[in-house]
């Protein structure tokens, strides 16, 4: 036979054990949410670090318009065996080349050529500004004549 004390004790402990199980589940869920939030914050910090590193280094020679110009140069070099003398560019491309000179501390050689055009020296080629073209315009490299 079960005594009254055992019955009360079992009942009280039984209810405490039943109450502890949901509390443990809630704690585990809170731990998972906290871990997820920490992972999310970590990924945002990684993204921020990459952005800051890119901002400090700046675009390389293969980024944006400079990469497109290099591709045109490569095609011309493979066909002619030398860098082209001239390449016509739009205004946005001109600004990119100008900014490249500033960022890397290179001397800027801008000249005024015929037809009141401007040319900026980049590598071994005169890049001729064609402001009437699309700002992102990159022409076909060519030689004198």
C-alpha atoms as a PDB file:
ATOM      1  CA  UNK A   1       0.000   0.000   0.000  1.00  0.00           C
ATOM      2  CA  UNK A   2       1.147   3.549  -0.699  1.00  0.00           C
ATOM      3  CA  UNK A   3       1.212   5.965   2.140  1.00  0.00           C
ATOM      4  CA  UNK A   4      -0.195   9.450   1.984  1.00  0.00           C
ATOM      5  CA  UNK A   5       3.309  10.929   2.171  1.00  0.00           C
ATOM      6  CA  UNK A   6       4.510   8.951  -0.861  1.00  0.00           C
ATOM      7  CA  UNK A   7       1.403   9.933  -2.770  1.00  0.00           C
ATOM      8  CA  UNK A   8       1.855  13.661  -2.087  1.00  0.00           C
ATOM      9  CA  UNK A   9       5.597  13.522  -2.698  1.00  0.00           C
ATOM     10  CA  UNK A  10       5.151  11.648  -5.971  1.00  0.00           C
ATOM     11  CA  UNK A  11       2.510  14.079  -7.088  1.00  0.00           C
ATOM     12  CA  UNK A  12       4.606  17.141  -6.282  1.00  0.00           C
ATOM     13  CA  UNK A  13       7.756  15.716  -7.861  1.00  0.00           C
ATOM     14  CA  UNK A  14       5.778  14.537 -10.861  1.00  0.00           C
ATOM     15  CA  UNK A  15       4.443  17.999 -11.527  1.00  0.00           C
ATOM     16  CA  UNK A  16       7.896  19.515 -11.054  1.00  0.00           C
ATOM     17  CA  UNK A  17       9.410  17.055 -13.510  1.00  0.00           C
ATOM     18  CA  UNK A  18       6.684  17.745 -16.035  1.00  0.00           C
ATOM     19  CA  UNK A  19       7.229  21.489 -15.660  1.00  0.00           C
ATOM     20  CA  UNK A  20      10.995  21.112 -16.063  1.00  0.00           C
ATOM     21  CA  UNK A  21      10.727  19.401 -19.463  1.00  0.00           C
ATOM     22  CA  UNK A  22       9.062  22.361 -21.239  1.00  0.00           C
ATOM     23  CA  UNK A  23      11.480  24.737 -19.519  1.00  0.00           C
ATOM     24  CA  UNK A  24      14.441  22.758 -20.869  1.00  0.00           C
ATOM     25  CA  UNK A  25      12.911  22.774 -24.369  1.00  0.00           C
ATOM     26  CA  UNK A  26      12.401  26.537 -24.145  1.00  0.00           C
ATOM     27  CA  UNK A  27      16.022  27.011 -23.033  1.00  0.00           C
ATOM     28  CA  UNK A  28      17.284  24.885 -25.931  1.00  0.00           C
ATOM     29  CA  UNK A  29      15.177  26.902 -28.359  1.00  0.00           C
ATOM     30  CA  UNK A  30      16.537  30.143 -26.865  1.00  0.00           C
ATOM     31  CA  UNK A  31      20.088  28.778 -27.229  1.00  0.00           C
ATOM     32  CA  UNK A  32      19.452  27.922 -30.886  1.00  0.00           C
ATOM     33  CA  UNK A  33      18.028  31.383 -31.571  1.00  0.00           C
ATOM     34  CA  UNK A  34      20.997  33.007 -29.851  1.00  0.00           C
ATOM     35  CA  UNK A  35      23.469  30.897 -31.856  1.00  0.00           C
ATOM     36  CA  UNK A  36      21.623  31.768 -35.072  1.00  0.00           C
ATOM     37  CA  UNK A  37      21.723  35.478 -34.221  1.00  0.00           C
ATOM     38  CA  UNK A  38      25.456  35.292 -33.470  1.00  0.00           C
ATOM     39  CA  UNK A  39      26.116  33.515 -36.795  1.00  0.00           C
ATOM     40  CA  UNK A  40      24.105  36.195 -38.613  1.00  0.00           C
ATOM     41  CA  UNK A  41      26.083  38.978 -36.913  1.00  0.00           C
ATOM     42  CA  UNK A  42      29.329  37.189 -37.786  1.00  0.00           C
ATOM     43  CA  UNK A  43      28.340  36.995 -41.477  1.00  0.00           C
ATOM     44  CA  UNK A  44      27.480  40.708 -41.483  1.00  0.00           C
ATOM     45  CA  UNK A  45      30.895  41.516 -39.981  1.00  0.00           C
ATOM     46  CA  UNK A  46      32.577  39.399 -42.675  1.00  0.00           C
ATOM     47  CA  UNK A  47      30.679  41.300 -45.378  1.00  0.00           C
ATOM     48  CA  UNK A  48      31.620  44.614 -43.774  1.00  0.00           C
ATOM     49  CA  UNK A  49      35.298  43.598 -43.607  1.00  0.00           C
ATOM     50  CA  UNK A  50      35.284  42.639 -47.303  1.00  0.00           C
ATOM     51  CA  UNK A  51      33.656  45.949 -48.236  1.00  0.00           C
ATOM     52  CA  UNK A  52      36.160  47.962 -46.216  1.00  0.00           C
ATOM     53  CA  UNK A  53      39.101  46.002 -47.642  1.00  0.00           C
ATOM     54  CA  UNK A  54      37.843  46.605 -51.185  1.00  0.00           C
ATOM     55  CA  UNK A  55      37.392  50.307 -50.415  1.00  0.00           C
ATOM     56  CA  UNK A  56      40.963  50.596 -49.198  1.00  0.00           C
ATOM     57  CA  UNK A  57      42.498  48.622 -52.054  1.00  0.00           C
ATOM     58  CA  UNK A  58      40.181  49.940 -54.728  1.00  0.00           C
ATOM     59  CA  UNK A  59      39.563  48.376 -58.082  1.00  0.00           C
ATOM     60  CA  UNK A  60      42.418  46.491 -59.661  1.00  0.00           C
ATOM     61  CA  UNK A  61      43.363  46.525 -63.286  1.00  0.00           C
ATOM     62  CA  UNK A  62      40.757  43.913 -64.135  1.00  0.00           C
ATOM     63  CA  UNK A  63      37.773  45.684 -62.567  1.00  0.00           C
ATOM     64  CA  UNK A  64      35.185  47.711 -64.452  1.00  0.00           C
ATOM     65  CA  UNK A  65      36.148  49.640 -67.550  1.00  0.00           C
ATOM     66  CA  UNK A  66      39.878  49.078 -67.048  1.00  0.00           C
ATOM     67  CA  UNK A  67      39.373  45.337 -67.486  1.00  0.00           C
ATOM     68  CA  UNK A  68      37.419  45.978 -70.705  1.00  0.00           C
ATOM     69  CA  UNK A  69      40.209  48.224 -72.030  1.00  0.00           C
ATOM     70  CA  UNK A  70      42.798  45.558 -71.206  1.00  0.00           C
ATOM     71  CA  UNK A  71      40.750  42.974 -73.105  1.00  0.00           C
ATOM     72  CA  UNK A  72      40.712  45.270 -76.167  1.00  0.00           C
ATOM     73  CA  UNK A  73      44.458  45.771 -75.798  1.00  0.00           C
ATOM     74  CA  UNK A  74      45.032  42.015 -75.601  1.00  0.00           C
ATOM     75  CA  UNK A  75      43.064  41.435 -78.788  1.00  0.00           C
ATOM     76  CA  UNK A  76      45.038  44.160 -80.574  1.00  0.00           C
ATOM     77  CA  UNK A  77      48.400  42.914 -79.292  1.00  0.00           C
ATOM     78  CA  UNK A  78      47.667  39.394 -80.488  1.00  0.00           C
ATOM     79  CA  UNK A  79      46.754  40.712 -83.943  1.00  0.00           C
ATOM     80  CA  UNK A  80      49.383  43.453 -84.377  1.00  0.00           C
ATOM     81  CA  UNK A  81      52.162  42.381 -82.016  1.00  0.00           C
ATOM     82  CA  UNK A  82      52.189  45.690 -80.120  1.00  0.00           C
ATOM     83  CA  UNK A  83      50.057  47.963 -77.974  1.00  0.00           C
ATOM     84  CA  UNK A  84      47.698  50.217 -79.933  1.00  0.00           C
ATOM     85  CA  UNK A  85      48.512  53.893 -80.283  1.00  0.00           C
ATOM     86  CA  UNK A  86      44.929  55.102 -79.768  1.00  0.00           C
ATOM     87  CA  UNK A  87      41.614  54.015 -78.311  1.00  0.00           C
ATOM     88  CA  UNK A  88      38.435  56.094 -78.162  1.00  0.00           C
ATOM     89  CA  UNK A  89      36.508  56.100 -74.877  1.00  0.00           C
ATOM     90  CA  UNK A  90      33.402  57.656 -73.343  1.00  0.00           C
ATOM     91  CA  UNK A  91      33.233  60.037 -70.403  1.00  0.00           C
ATOM     92  CA  UNK A  92      32.651  57.425 -67.647  1.00  0.00           C
ATOM     93  CA  UNK A  93      35.606  55.400 -68.883  1.00  0.00           C
ATOM     94  CA  UNK A  94      37.737  58.552 -68.976  1.00  0.00           C
ATOM     95  CA  UNK A  95      36.856  59.293 -65.345  1.00  0.00           C
ATOM     96  CA  UNK A  96      37.724  55.709 -64.349  1.00  0.00           C
ATOM     97  CA  UNK A  97      41.153  56.001 -65.970  1.00  0.00           C
ATOM     98  CA  UNK A  98      41.691  59.414 -64.355  1.00  0.00           C
ATOM     99  CA  UNK A  99      40.689  58.019 -60.929  1.00  0.00           C
ATOM    100  CA  UNK A 100      43.065  55.088 -61.446  1.00  0.00           C
ATOM    101  CA  UNK A 101      45.935  57.540 -61.949  1.00  0.00           C
ATOM    102  CA  UNK A 102      44.993  59.402 -58.759  1.00  0.00           C
ATOM    103  CA  UNK A 103      44.548  56.234 -56.672  1.00  0.00           C
ATOM    104  CA  UNK A 104      47.892  54.757 -57.651  1.00  0.00           C
ATOM    105  CA  UNK A 105      49.837  58.024 -57.690  1.00  0.00           C
ATOM    106  CA  UNK A 106      50.692  57.835 -61.375  1.00  0.00           C
ATOM    107  CA  UNK A 107      51.535  60.974 -63.364  1.00  0.00           C
ATOM    108  CA  UNK A 108      48.557  62.188 -65.367  1.00  0.00           C
ATOM    109  CA  UNK A 109      49.338  63.087 -68.968  1.00  0.00           C
ATOM    110  CA  UNK A 110      46.325  64.758 -70.538  1.00  0.00           C
ATOM    111  CA  UNK A 111      46.774  66.461 -73.890  1.00  0.00           C
ATOM    112  CA  UNK A 112      44.524  68.362 -76.232  1.00  0.00           C
ATOM    113  CA  UNK A 113      44.580  66.899 -79.724  1.00  0.00           C
ATOM    114  CA  UNK A 114      42.907  67.824 -83.009  1.00  0.00           C
ATOM    115  CA  UNK A 115      39.181  68.565 -83.147  1.00  0.00           C
ATOM    116  CA  UNK A 116      39.402  69.956 -79.595  1.00  0.00           C
ATOM    117  CA  UNK A 117      39.537  66.466 -78.100  1.00  0.00           C
ATOM    118  CA  UNK A 118      41.316  65.372 -74.934  1.00  0.00           C
ATOM    119  CA  UNK A 119      43.532  62.321 -74.640  1.00  0.00           C
ATOM    120  CA  UNK A 120      44.886  60.685 -71.517  1.00  0.00           C
ATOM    121  CA  UNK A 121      47.895  58.381 -71.585  1.00  0.00           C
ATOM    122  CA  UNK A 122      47.261  54.959 -70.041  1.00  0.00           C
ATOM    123  CA  UNK A 123      49.951  52.312 -70.300  1.00  0.00           C
ATOM    124  CA  UNK A 124      51.299  52.776 -73.848  1.00  0.00           C
ATOM    125  CA  UNK A 125      48.125  54.097 -75.453  1.00  0.00           C
ATOM    126  CA  UNK A 126      46.460  57.484 -75.853  1.00  0.00           C
ATOM    127  CA  UNK A 127      42.817  57.171 -74.758  1.00  0.00           C
ATOM    128  CA  UNK A 128      40.822  59.735 -76.726  1.00  0.00           C
ATOM    129  CA  UNK A 129      37.755  61.184 -75.032  1.00  0.00           C
ATOM    130  CA  UNK A 130      34.639  61.035 -77.215  1.00  0.00           C
ATOM    131  CA  UNK A 131      32.127  62.976 -75.110  1.00  0.00           C
ATOM    132  CA  UNK A 132      29.385  62.735 -77.762  1.00  0.00           C
ATOM    133  CA  UNK A 133      29.385  58.926 -77.459  1.00  0.00           C
ATOM    134  CA  UNK A 134      27.729  56.854 -74.730  1.00  0.00           C
ATOM    135  CA  UNK A 135      29.554  57.496 -71.414  1.00  0.00           C
ATOM    136  CA  UNK A 136      30.491  53.794 -71.220  1.00  0.00           C
ATOM    137  CA  UNK A 137      31.801  53.685 -74.809  1.00  0.00           C
ATOM    138  CA  UNK A 138      35.027  51.821 -75.542  1.00  0.00           C
ATOM    139  CA  UNK A 139      36.025  51.851 -79.191  1.00  0.00           C
ATOM    140  CA  UNK A 140      38.286  49.656 -81.269  1.00  0.00           C
ATOM    141  CA  UNK A 141      42.041  50.216 -80.774  1.00  0.00           C
ATOM    142  CA  UNK A 142      43.799  51.703 -83.809  1.00  0.00           C
ATOM    143  CA  UNK A 143      47.104  53.042 -85.117  1.00  0.00           C
ATOM    144  CA  UNK A 144      47.987  56.354 -86.762  1.00  0.00           C
ATOM    145  CA  UNK A 145      46.701  57.024 -90.200  1.00  0.00           C
END
